[in-house]
């Protein structure tokens, strides 16, 4: 595993197809998939088990109640899949 900390994630997001409307505050690449924002670990595990033909998962913004953003009241949020053609689908709702 390689961890790389950078001051400006914008070039990394662009390189991996993360558009501004999908952006969160963290970007990771896990086994070839982009994980953007506060994606719950269970959805990352599900992604790695299912291996769909997508670029990655995103939780846009920083919704209260998502992993690492604990607080009340918790906001409803969605985990979104995205592919290289710009197609998006809801992967999970919280």
PDB file of N, CA and C in Angstrom:
ATOM      1  N   UNK A   1       0.845  -1.171   0.000  1.00  0.00           N
ATOM      2  CA  UNK A   1       0.000   0.000   0.000  1.00  0.00           C
ATOM      3  C   UNK A   1       0.889   1.232   0.000  1.00  0.00           C
ATOM      4  N   UNK A   2       0.484   2.201  -0.803  1.00  0.00           N
ATOM      5  CA  UNK A   2       1.227   3.452  -0.899  1.00  0.00           C
ATOM      6  C   UNK A   2       0.316   4.595  -0.482  1.00  0.00           C
ATOM      7  N   UNK A   3       0.757   5.405   0.439  1.00  0.00           N
ATOM      8  CA  UNK A   3       0.020   6.580   0.865  1.00  0.00           C
ATOM      9  C   UNK A   3       0.792   7.799   0.418  1.00  0.00           C
ATOM     10  N   UNK A   4       0.084   8.718  -0.224  1.00  0.00           N
ATOM     11  CA  UNK A   4       0.720   9.930  -0.725  1.00  0.00           C
ATOM     12  C   UNK A   4      -0.126  11.119  -0.292  1.00  0.00           C
ATOM     13  N   UNK A   5       0.492  12.046   0.418  1.00  0.00           N
ATOM     14  CA  UNK A   5      -0.204  13.249   0.854  1.00  0.00           C
ATOM     15  C   UNK A   5       0.194  14.384  -0.074  1.00  0.00           C
ATOM     16  N   UNK A   6      -0.796  15.100  -0.579  1.00  0.00           N
ATOM     17  CA  UNK A   6      -0.525  16.216  -1.477  1.00  0.00           C
ATOM     18  C   UNK A   6      -1.278  17.448  -0.985  1.00  0.00           C
ATOM     19  N   UNK A   7      -0.736  18.619  -1.297  1.00  0.00           N
ATOM     20  CA  UNK A   7      -1.369  19.869  -0.874  1.00  0.00           C
ATOM     21  C   UNK A   7      -2.580  20.229  -1.724  1.00  0.00           C
ATOM     22  N   UNK A   8      -2.566  19.846  -2.999  1.00  0.00           N
ATOM     23  CA  UNK A   8      -3.644  20.207  -3.914  1.00  0.00           C
ATOM     24  C   UNK A   8      -4.150  18.939  -4.597  1.00  0.00           C
ATOM     25  N   UNK A   9      -5.362  18.519  -4.249  1.00  0.00           N
ATOM     26  CA  UNK A   9      -5.929  17.298  -4.821  1.00  0.00           C
ATOM     27  C   UNK A   9      -6.599  17.505  -6.177  1.00  0.00           C
ATOM     28  N   UNK A  10      -6.747  18.748  -6.615  1.00  0.00           N
ATOM     29  CA  UNK A  10      -7.455  19.003  -7.872  1.00  0.00           C
ATOM     30  C   UNK A  10      -6.859  18.241  -9.049  1.00  0.00           C
ATOM     31  N   UNK A  11      -5.538  18.257  -9.273  1.00  0.00           N
ATOM     32  CA  UNK A  11      -4.998  17.486 -10.397  1.00  0.00           C
ATOM     33  C   UNK A  11      -5.265  15.984 -10.286  1.00  0.00           C
ATOM     34  N   UNK A  12      -5.232  15.448  -9.076  1.00  0.00           N
ATOM     35  CA  UNK A  12      -5.511  14.031  -8.859  1.00  0.00           C
ATOM     36  C   UNK A  12      -6.969  13.729  -9.183  1.00  0.00           C
ATOM     37  N   UNK A  13      -7.865  14.595  -8.735  1.00  0.00           N
ATOM     38  CA  UNK A  13      -9.286  14.406  -9.015  1.00  0.00           C
ATOM     39  C   UNK A  13      -9.533  14.430 -10.527  1.00  0.00           C
ATOM     40  N   UNK A  14      -8.947  15.394 -11.224  1.00  0.00           N
ATOM     41  CA  UNK A  14      -9.113  15.502 -12.673  1.00  0.00           C
ATOM     42  C   UNK A  14      -8.561  14.261 -13.364  1.00  0.00           C
ATOM     43  N   UNK A  15      -7.386  13.828 -12.963  1.00  0.00           N
ATOM     44  CA  UNK A  15      -6.753  12.637 -13.554  1.00  0.00           C
ATOM     45  C   UNK A  15      -7.646  11.406 -13.445  1.00  0.00           C
ATOM     46  N   UNK A  16      -8.405  11.311 -12.364  1.00  0.00           N
ATOM     47  CA  UNK A  16      -9.216  10.125 -12.105  1.00  0.00           C
ATOM     48  C   UNK A  16     -10.700  10.325 -12.418  1.00  0.00           C
ATOM     49  N   UNK A  17     -11.047  11.407 -13.095  1.00  0.00           N
ATOM     50  CA  UNK A  17     -12.420  11.589 -13.549  1.00  0.00           C
ATOM     51  C   UNK A  17     -13.405  12.059 -12.508  1.00  0.00           C
ATOM     52  N   UNK A  18     -12.909  12.650 -11.437  1.00  0.00           N
ATOM     53  CA  UNK A  18     -13.795  13.162 -10.392  1.00  0.00           C
ATOM     54  C   UNK A  18     -14.172  14.598 -10.765  1.00  0.00           C
ATOM     55  N   UNK A  19     -15.416  14.791 -11.176  1.00  0.00           N
ATOM     56  CA  UNK A  19     -15.894  16.113 -11.544  1.00  0.00           C
ATOM     57  C   UNK A  19     -16.249  16.908 -10.289  1.00  0.00           C
ATOM     58  N   UNK A  20     -16.331  18.237 -10.395  1.00  0.00           N
ATOM     59  CA  UNK A  20     -16.614  19.044  -9.198  1.00  0.00           C
ATOM     60  C   UNK A  20     -17.877  18.636  -8.444  1.00  0.00           C
ATOM     61  N   UNK A  21     -18.910  18.192  -9.161  1.00  0.00           N
ATOM     62  CA  UNK A  21     -20.148  17.815  -8.472  1.00  0.00           C
ATOM     63  C   UNK A  21     -20.032  16.480  -7.726  1.00  0.00           C
ATOM     64  N   UNK A  22     -18.981  15.712  -7.985  1.00  0.00           N
ATOM     65  CA  UNK A  22     -18.740  14.460  -7.259  1.00  0.00           C
ATOM     66  C   UNK A  22     -17.717  14.630  -6.139  1.00  0.00           C
ATOM     67  N   UNK A  23     -17.068  15.774  -6.106  1.00  0.00           N
ATOM     68  CA  UNK A  23     -15.923  15.965  -5.215  1.00  0.00           C
ATOM     69  C   UNK A  23     -16.291  15.958  -3.740  1.00  0.00           C
ATOM     70  N   UNK A  24     -15.402  15.341  -2.983  1.00  0.00           N
ATOM     71  CA  UNK A  24     -15.431  15.368  -1.533  1.00  0.00           C
ATOM     72  C   UNK A  24     -14.108  15.943  -1.075  1.00  0.00           C
ATOM     73  N   UNK A  25     -13.738  15.709   0.152  1.00  0.00           N
ATOM     74  CA  UNK A  25     -12.493  16.279   0.651  1.00  0.00           C
ATOM     75  C   UNK A  25     -11.333  15.294   0.611  1.00  0.00           C
ATOM     76  N   UNK A  26     -11.580  14.045   0.289  1.00  0.00           N
ATOM     77  CA  UNK A  26     -10.530  13.031   0.233  1.00  0.00           C
ATOM     78  C   UNK A  26     -10.635  12.285  -1.093  1.00  0.00           C
ATOM     79  N   UNK A  27      -9.503  11.876  -1.632  1.00  0.00           N
ATOM     80  CA  UNK A  27      -9.485  11.058  -2.835  1.00  0.00           C
ATOM     81  C   UNK A  27      -8.506   9.920  -2.602  1.00  0.00           C
ATOM     82  N   UNK A  28      -8.952   8.705  -2.902  1.00  0.00           N
ATOM     83  CA  UNK A  28      -8.081   7.532  -2.769  1.00  0.00           C
ATOM     84  C   UNK A  28      -8.294   6.640  -3.985  1.00  0.00           C
ATOM     85  N   UNK A  29      -7.270   5.879  -4.308  1.00  0.00           N
ATOM     86  CA  UNK A  29      -7.393   4.853  -5.336  1.00  0.00           C
ATOM     87  C   UNK A  29      -7.109   3.530  -4.644  1.00  0.00           C
ATOM     88  N   UNK A  30      -8.108   2.644  -4.662  1.00  0.00           N
ATOM     89  CA  UNK A  30      -8.018   1.353  -3.982  1.00  0.00           C
ATOM     90  C   UNK A  30      -8.246   0.261  -5.015  1.00  0.00           C
ATOM     91  N   UNK A  31      -7.221  -0.516  -5.254  1.00  0.00           N
ATOM     92  CA  UNK A  31      -7.285  -1.616  -6.223  1.00  0.00           C
ATOM     93  C   UNK A  31      -7.868  -1.157  -7.559  1.00  0.00           C
ATOM     94  N   UNK A  32      -7.449   0.038  -7.978  1.00  0.00           N
ATOM     95  CA  UNK A  32      -7.856   0.572  -9.268  1.00  0.00           C
ATOM     96  C   UNK A  32      -9.139   1.369  -9.264  1.00  0.00           C
ATOM     97  N   UNK A  33      -9.867   1.393  -8.154  1.00  0.00           N
ATOM     98  CA  UNK A  33     -11.110   2.162  -8.046  1.00  0.00           C
ATOM     99  C   UNK A  33     -10.852   3.478  -7.304  1.00  0.00           C
ATOM    100  N   UNK A  34     -11.498   4.539  -7.762  1.00  0.00           N
ATOM    101  CA  UNK A  34     -11.418   5.823  -7.081  1.00  0.00           C
ATOM    102  C   UNK A  34     -12.460   5.845  -5.966  1.00  0.00           C
ATOM    103  N   UNK A  35     -12.037   6.246  -4.792  1.00  0.00           N
ATOM    104  CA  UNK A  35     -12.929   6.425  -3.649  1.00  0.00           C
ATOM    105  C   UNK A  35     -12.854   7.904  -3.300  1.00  0.00           C
ATOM    106  N   UNK A  36     -13.971   8.595  -3.480  1.00  0.00           N
ATOM    107  CA  UNK A  36     -14.000  10.045  -3.303  1.00  0.00           C
ATOM    108  C   UNK A  36     -14.894  10.427  -2.143  1.00  0.00           C
ATOM    109  N   UNK A  37     -14.338  11.136  -1.184  1.00  0.00           N
ATOM    110  CA  UNK A  37     -15.123  11.619  -0.055  1.00  0.00           C
ATOM    111  C   UNK A  37     -15.269  10.589   1.047  1.00  0.00           C
ATOM    112  N   UNK A  38     -16.288  10.772   1.844  1.00  0.00           N
ATOM    113  CA  UNK A  38     -16.511   9.966   3.053  1.00  0.00           C
ATOM    114  C   UNK A  38     -17.369   8.735   2.743  1.00  0.00           C
ATOM    115  N   UNK A  39     -16.832   7.830   1.941  1.00  0.00           N
ATOM    116  CA  UNK A  39     -17.536   6.604   1.561  1.00  0.00           C
ATOM    117  C   UNK A  39     -17.440   5.594   2.707  1.00  0.00           C
ATOM    118  N   UNK A  40     -18.571   5.048   3.159  1.00  0.00           N
ATOM    119  CA  UNK A  40     -18.530   4.055   4.235  1.00  0.00           C
ATOM    120  C   UNK A  40     -17.714   2.818   3.834  1.00  0.00           C
ATOM    121  N   UNK A  41     -16.975   2.282   4.789  1.00  0.00           N
ATOM    122  CA  UNK A  41     -16.121   1.110   4.541  1.00  0.00           C
ATOM    123  C   UNK A  41     -16.915  -0.059   3.987  1.00  0.00           C
ATOM    124  N   UNK A  42     -18.158  -0.254   4.448  1.00  0.00           N
ATOM    125  CA  UNK A  42     -18.952  -1.393   3.958  1.00  0.00           C
ATOM    126  C   UNK A  42     -19.169  -1.288   2.455  1.00  0.00           C
ATOM    127  N   UNK A  43     -19.308  -0.069   1.929  1.00  0.00           N
ATOM    128  CA  UNK A  43     -19.517   0.087   0.488  1.00  0.00           C
ATOM    129  C   UNK A  43     -18.221  -0.139  -0.294  1.00  0.00           C
ATOM    130  N   UNK A  44     -17.094   0.189   0.314  1.00  0.00           N
ATOM    131  CA  UNK A  44     -15.800  -0.103  -0.325  1.00  0.00           C
ATOM    132  C   UNK A  44     -15.588  -1.607  -0.387  1.00  0.00           C
ATOM    133  N   UNK A  45     -15.900  -2.306   0.688  1.00  0.00           N
ATOM    134  CA  UNK A  45     -15.786  -3.771   0.694  1.00  0.00           C
ATOM    135  C   UNK A  45     -16.722  -4.389  -0.338  1.00  0.00           C
ATOM    136  N   UNK A  46     -17.944  -3.881  -0.403  1.00  0.00           N
ATOM    137  CA  UNK A  46     -18.907  -4.369  -1.401  1.00  0.00           C
ATOM    138  C   UNK A  46     -18.374  -4.138  -2.821  1.00  0.00           C
ATOM    139  N   UNK A  47     -17.836  -2.966  -3.068  1.00  0.00           N
ATOM    140  CA  UNK A  47     -17.249  -2.643  -4.370  1.00  0.00           C
ATOM    141  C   UNK A  47     -16.159  -3.643  -4.737  1.00  0.00           C
ATOM    142  N   UNK A  48     -15.281  -3.931  -3.797  1.00  0.00           N
ATOM    143  CA  UNK A  48     -14.164  -4.847  -4.065  1.00  0.00           C
ATOM    144  C   UNK A  48     -14.629  -6.291  -4.220  1.00  0.00           C
ATOM    145  N   UNK A  49     -15.749  -6.641  -3.593  1.00  0.00           N
ATOM    146  CA  UNK A  49     -16.327  -7.971  -3.784  1.00  0.00           C
ATOM    147  C   UNK A  49     -17.017  -8.089  -5.147  1.00  0.00           C
ATOM    148  N   UNK A  50     -17.784  -7.056  -5.509  1.00  0.00           N
ATOM    149  CA  UNK A  50     -18.582  -7.102  -6.741  1.00  0.00           C
ATOM    150  C   UNK A  50     -17.770  -6.763  -8.000  1.00  0.00           C
ATOM    151  N   UNK A  51     -16.802  -5.887  -7.865  1.00  0.00           N
ATOM    152  CA  UNK A  51     -15.950  -5.453  -8.981  1.00  0.00           C
ATOM    153  C   UNK A  51     -16.734  -4.993 -10.215  1.00  0.00           C
ATOM    154  N   UNK A  52     -17.646  -4.019 -10.047  1.00  0.00           N
ATOM    155  CA  UNK A  52     -18.403  -3.524 -11.201  1.00  0.00           C
ATOM    156  C   UNK A  52     -17.491  -2.750 -12.157  1.00  0.00           C
ATOM    157  N   UNK A  53     -17.957  -2.568 -13.376  1.00  0.00           N
ATOM    158  CA  UNK A  53     -17.203  -1.852 -14.395  1.00  0.00           C
ATOM    159  C   UNK A  53     -17.478  -0.352 -14.261  1.00  0.00           C
ATOM    160  N   UNK A  54     -16.881   0.254 -13.243  1.00  0.00           N
ATOM    161  CA  UNK A  54     -17.042   1.685 -12.969  1.00  0.00           C
ATOM    162  C   UNK A  54     -15.669   2.257 -12.642  1.00  0.00           C
ATOM    163  N   UNK A  55     -15.597   3.578 -12.594  1.00  0.00           N
ATOM    164  CA  UNK A  55     -14.363   4.242 -12.172  1.00  0.00           C
ATOM    165  C   UNK A  55     -14.264   4.222 -10.653  1.00  0.00           C
ATOM    166  N   UNK A  56     -15.394   4.513  -9.970  1.00  0.00           N
ATOM    167  CA  UNK A  56     -15.322   4.531  -8.523  1.00  0.00           C
ATOM    168  C   UNK A  56     -16.606   4.929  -7.841  1.00  0.00           C
ATOM    169  N   UNK A  57     -16.451   5.236  -6.550  1.00  0.00           N
ATOM    170  CA  UNK A  57     -17.549   5.632  -5.673  1.00  0.00           C
ATOM    171  C   UNK A  57     -17.289   7.025  -5.131  1.00  0.00           C
ATOM    172  N   UNK A  58     -18.376   7.761  -4.914  1.00  0.00           N
ATOM    173  CA  UNK A  58     -18.248   9.099  -4.352  1.00  0.00           C
ATOM    174  C   UNK A  58     -19.364   9.380  -3.366  1.00  0.00           C
ATOM    175  N   UNK A  59     -19.005  10.085  -2.302  1.00  0.00           N
ATOM    176  CA  UNK A  59     -19.970  10.759  -1.440  1.00  0.00           C
ATOM    177  C   UNK A  59     -19.619  12.240  -1.568  1.00  0.00           C
ATOM    178  N   UNK A  60     -20.337  12.950  -2.438  1.00  0.00           N
ATOM    179  CA  UNK A  60     -20.022  14.362  -2.664  1.00  0.00           C
ATOM    180  C   UNK A  60     -20.181  15.199  -1.399  1.00  0.00           C
ATOM    181  N   UNK A  61     -19.342  16.214  -1.293  1.00  0.00           N
ATOM    182  CA  UNK A  61     -19.417  17.119  -0.153  1.00  0.00           C
ATOM    183  C   UNK A  61     -18.915  16.465   1.120  1.00  0.00           C
ATOM    184  N   UNK A  62     -19.430  16.927   2.220  1.00  0.00           N
ATOM    185  CA  UNK A  62     -19.035  16.416   3.528  1.00  0.00           C
ATOM    186  C   UNK A  62     -20.280  16.283   4.403  1.00  0.00           C
ATOM    187  N   UNK A  63     -21.190  15.336   4.066  1.00  0.00           N
ATOM    188  CA  UNK A  63     -22.442  15.252   4.825  1.00  0.00           C
ATOM    189  C   UNK A  63     -22.238  14.827   6.277  1.00  0.00           C
ATOM    190  N   UNK A  64     -22.902  15.534   7.167  1.00  0.00           N
ATOM    191  CA  UNK A  64     -22.871  15.180   8.581  1.00  0.00           C
ATOM    192  C   UNK A  64     -23.499  13.801   8.735  1.00  0.00           C
ATOM    193  N   UNK A  65     -22.809  12.940   9.465  1.00  0.00           N
ATOM    194  CA  UNK A  65     -23.293  11.583   9.680  1.00  0.00           C
ATOM    195  C   UNK A  65     -22.552  10.558   8.843  1.00  0.00           C
ATOM    196  N   UNK A  66     -21.803  11.023   7.835  1.00  0.00           N
ATOM    197  CA  UNK A  66     -20.984  10.092   7.059  1.00  0.00           C
ATOM    198  C   UNK A  66     -19.729   9.767   7.875  1.00  0.00           C
ATOM    199  N   UNK A  67     -19.006   8.689   7.532  1.00  0.00           N
ATOM    200  CA  UNK A  67     -17.826   8.314   8.303  1.00  0.00           C
ATOM    201  C   UNK A  67     -16.821   9.465   8.394  1.00  0.00           C
ATOM    202  N   UNK A  68     -16.436   9.780   9.612  1.00  0.00           N
ATOM    203  CA  UNK A  68     -15.496  10.865   9.839  1.00  0.00           C
ATOM    204  C   UNK A  68     -16.165  12.221   9.984  1.00  0.00           C
ATOM    205  N   UNK A  69     -17.461  12.278   9.752  1.00  0.00           N
ATOM    206  CA  UNK A  69     -18.213  13.526   9.862  1.00  0.00           C
ATOM    207  C   UNK A  69     -19.356  13.351  10.857  1.00  0.00           C
ATOM    208  N   UNK A  70     -19.047  12.696  11.970  1.00  0.00           N
ATOM    209  CA  UNK A  70     -20.062  12.425  12.966  1.00  0.00           C
ATOM    210  C   UNK A  70     -20.657  13.731  13.491  1.00  0.00           C
ATOM    211  N   UNK A  71     -21.894  13.683  13.809  1.00  0.00           N
ATOM    212  CA  UNK A  71     -22.574  14.845  14.357  1.00  0.00           C
ATOM    213  C   UNK A  71     -24.075  14.652  14.271  1.00  0.00           C
ATOM    214  N   UNK A  72     -24.789  15.599  14.842  1.00  0.00           N
ATOM    215  CA  UNK A  72     -26.236  15.541  14.797  1.00  0.00           C
ATOM    216  C   UNK A  72     -26.759  16.903  14.405  1.00  0.00           C
ATOM    217  N   UNK A  73     -27.847  16.948  13.731  1.00  0.00           N
ATOM    218  CA  UNK A  73     -28.533  15.781  13.192  1.00  0.00           C
ATOM    219  C   UNK A  73     -27.812  15.256  11.959  1.00  0.00           C
ATOM    220  N   UNK A  74     -27.831  13.946  11.803  1.00  0.00           N
ATOM    221  CA  UNK A  74     -27.205  13.325  10.637  1.00  0.00           C
ATOM    222  C   UNK A  74     -28.006  13.674   9.381  1.00  0.00           C
ATOM    223  N   UNK A  75     -27.281  13.929   8.295  1.00  0.00           N
ATOM    224  CA  UNK A  75     -27.919  14.214   7.015  1.00  0.00           C
ATOM    225  C   UNK A  75     -28.069  12.922   6.227  1.00  0.00           C
ATOM    226  N   UNK A  76     -29.092  12.868   5.402  1.00  0.00           N
ATOM    227  CA  UNK A  76     -29.218  11.751   4.474  1.00  0.00           C
ATOM    228  C   UNK A  76     -28.226  12.010   3.353  1.00  0.00           C
ATOM    229  N   UNK A  77     -27.586  10.941   2.874  1.00  0.00           N
ATOM    230  CA  UNK A  77     -26.649  11.085   1.760  1.00  0.00           C
ATOM    231  C   UNK A  77     -26.630   9.808   0.948  1.00  0.00           C
ATOM    232  N   UNK A  78     -26.059   9.920  -0.239  1.00  0.00           N
ATOM    233  CA  UNK A  78     -25.965   8.770  -1.134  1.00  0.00           C
ATOM    234  C   UNK A  78     -24.519   8.517  -1.527  1.00  0.00           C
ATOM    235  N   UNK A  79     -24.227   7.242  -1.742  1.00  0.00           N
ATOM    236  CA  UNK A  79     -22.958   6.825  -2.332  1.00  0.00           C
ATOM    237  C   UNK A  79     -23.250   6.646  -3.818  1.00  0.00           C
ATOM    238  N   UNK A  80     -22.500   7.338  -4.649  1.00  0.00           N
ATOM    239  CA  UNK A  80     -22.742   7.375  -6.080  1.00  0.00           C
ATOM    240  C   UNK A  80     -21.638   6.627  -6.819  1.00  0.00           C
ATOM    241  N   UNK A  81     -22.016   5.795  -7.797  1.00  0.00           N
ATOM    242  CA  UNK A  81     -21.029   5.208  -8.699  1.00  0.00           C
ATOM    243  C   UNK A  81     -20.858   6.159  -9.874  1.00  0.00           C
ATOM    244  N   UNK A  82     -19.676   6.157 -10.463  1.00  0.00           N
ATOM    245  CA  UNK A  82     -19.464   6.930 -11.683  1.00  0.00           C
ATOM    246  C   UNK A  82     -18.532   6.151 -12.598  1.00  0.00           C
ATOM    247  N   UNK A  83     -18.762   6.331 -13.913  1.00  0.00           N
ATOM    248  CA  UNK A  83     -17.913   5.644 -14.880  1.00  0.00           C
ATOM    249  C   UNK A  83     -17.267   6.655 -15.822  1.00  0.00           C
ATOM    250  N   UNK A  84     -16.454   6.149 -16.724  1.00  0.00           N
ATOM    251  CA  UNK A  84     -15.692   7.039 -17.606  1.00  0.00           C
ATOM    252  C   UNK A  84     -16.559   7.741 -18.644  1.00  0.00           C
ATOM    253  N   UNK A  85     -17.802   7.305 -18.818  1.00  0.00           N
ATOM    254  CA  UNK A  85     -18.721   7.945 -19.752  1.00  0.00           C
ATOM    255  C   UNK A  85     -19.619   8.976 -19.088  1.00  0.00           C
ATOM    256  N   UNK A  86     -19.401   9.228 -17.806  1.00  0.00           N
ATOM    257  CA  UNK A  86     -20.199  10.208 -17.086  1.00  0.00           C
ATOM    258  C   UNK A  86     -21.479   9.662 -16.490  1.00  0.00           C
ATOM    259  N   UNK A  87     -21.710   8.361 -16.651  1.00  0.00           N
ATOM    260  CA  UNK A  87     -22.915   7.742 -16.090  1.00  0.00           C
ATOM    261  C   UNK A  87     -22.765   7.615 -14.573  1.00  0.00           C
ATOM    262  N   UNK A  88     -23.854   7.885 -13.881  1.00  0.00           N
ATOM    263  CA  UNK A  88     -23.867   7.790 -12.415  1.00  0.00           C
ATOM    264  C   UNK A  88     -25.091   7.035 -11.958  1.00  0.00           C
ATOM    265  N   UNK A  89     -24.922   6.315 -10.873  1.00  0.00           N
ATOM    266  CA  UNK A  89     -26.043   5.600 -10.267  1.00  0.00           C
ATOM    267  C   UNK A  89     -25.879   5.635  -8.750  1.00  0.00           C
ATOM    268  N   UNK A  90     -26.996   5.536  -8.063  1.00  0.00           N
ATOM    269  CA  UNK A  90     -26.958   5.439  -6.608  1.00  0.00           C
ATOM    270  C   UNK A  90     -26.553   4.025  -6.239  1.00  0.00           C
ATOM    271  N   UNK A  91     -25.505   3.886  -5.462  1.00  0.00           N
ATOM    272  CA  UNK A  91     -24.994   2.595  -5.022  1.00  0.00           C
ATOM    273  C   UNK A  91     -25.564   2.228  -3.651  1.00  0.00           C
ATOM    274  N   UNK A  92     -25.733   3.243  -2.814  1.00  0.00           N
ATOM    275  CA  UNK A  92     -26.289   3.042  -1.467  1.00  0.00           C
ATOM    276  C   UNK A  92     -26.824   4.369  -0.952  1.00  0.00           C
ATOM    277  N   UNK A  93     -27.805   4.299  -0.080  1.00  0.00           N
ATOM    278  CA  UNK A  93     -28.368   5.487   0.550  1.00  0.00           C
ATOM    279  C   UNK A  93     -28.272   5.352   2.061  1.00  0.00           C
ATOM    280  N   UNK A  94     -27.964   6.430   2.704  1.00  0.00           N
ATOM    281  CA  UNK A  94     -27.846   6.460   4.166  1.00  0.00           C
ATOM    282  C   UNK A  94     -28.684   7.590   4.714  1.00  0.00           C
TER     283      UNK A  94
END
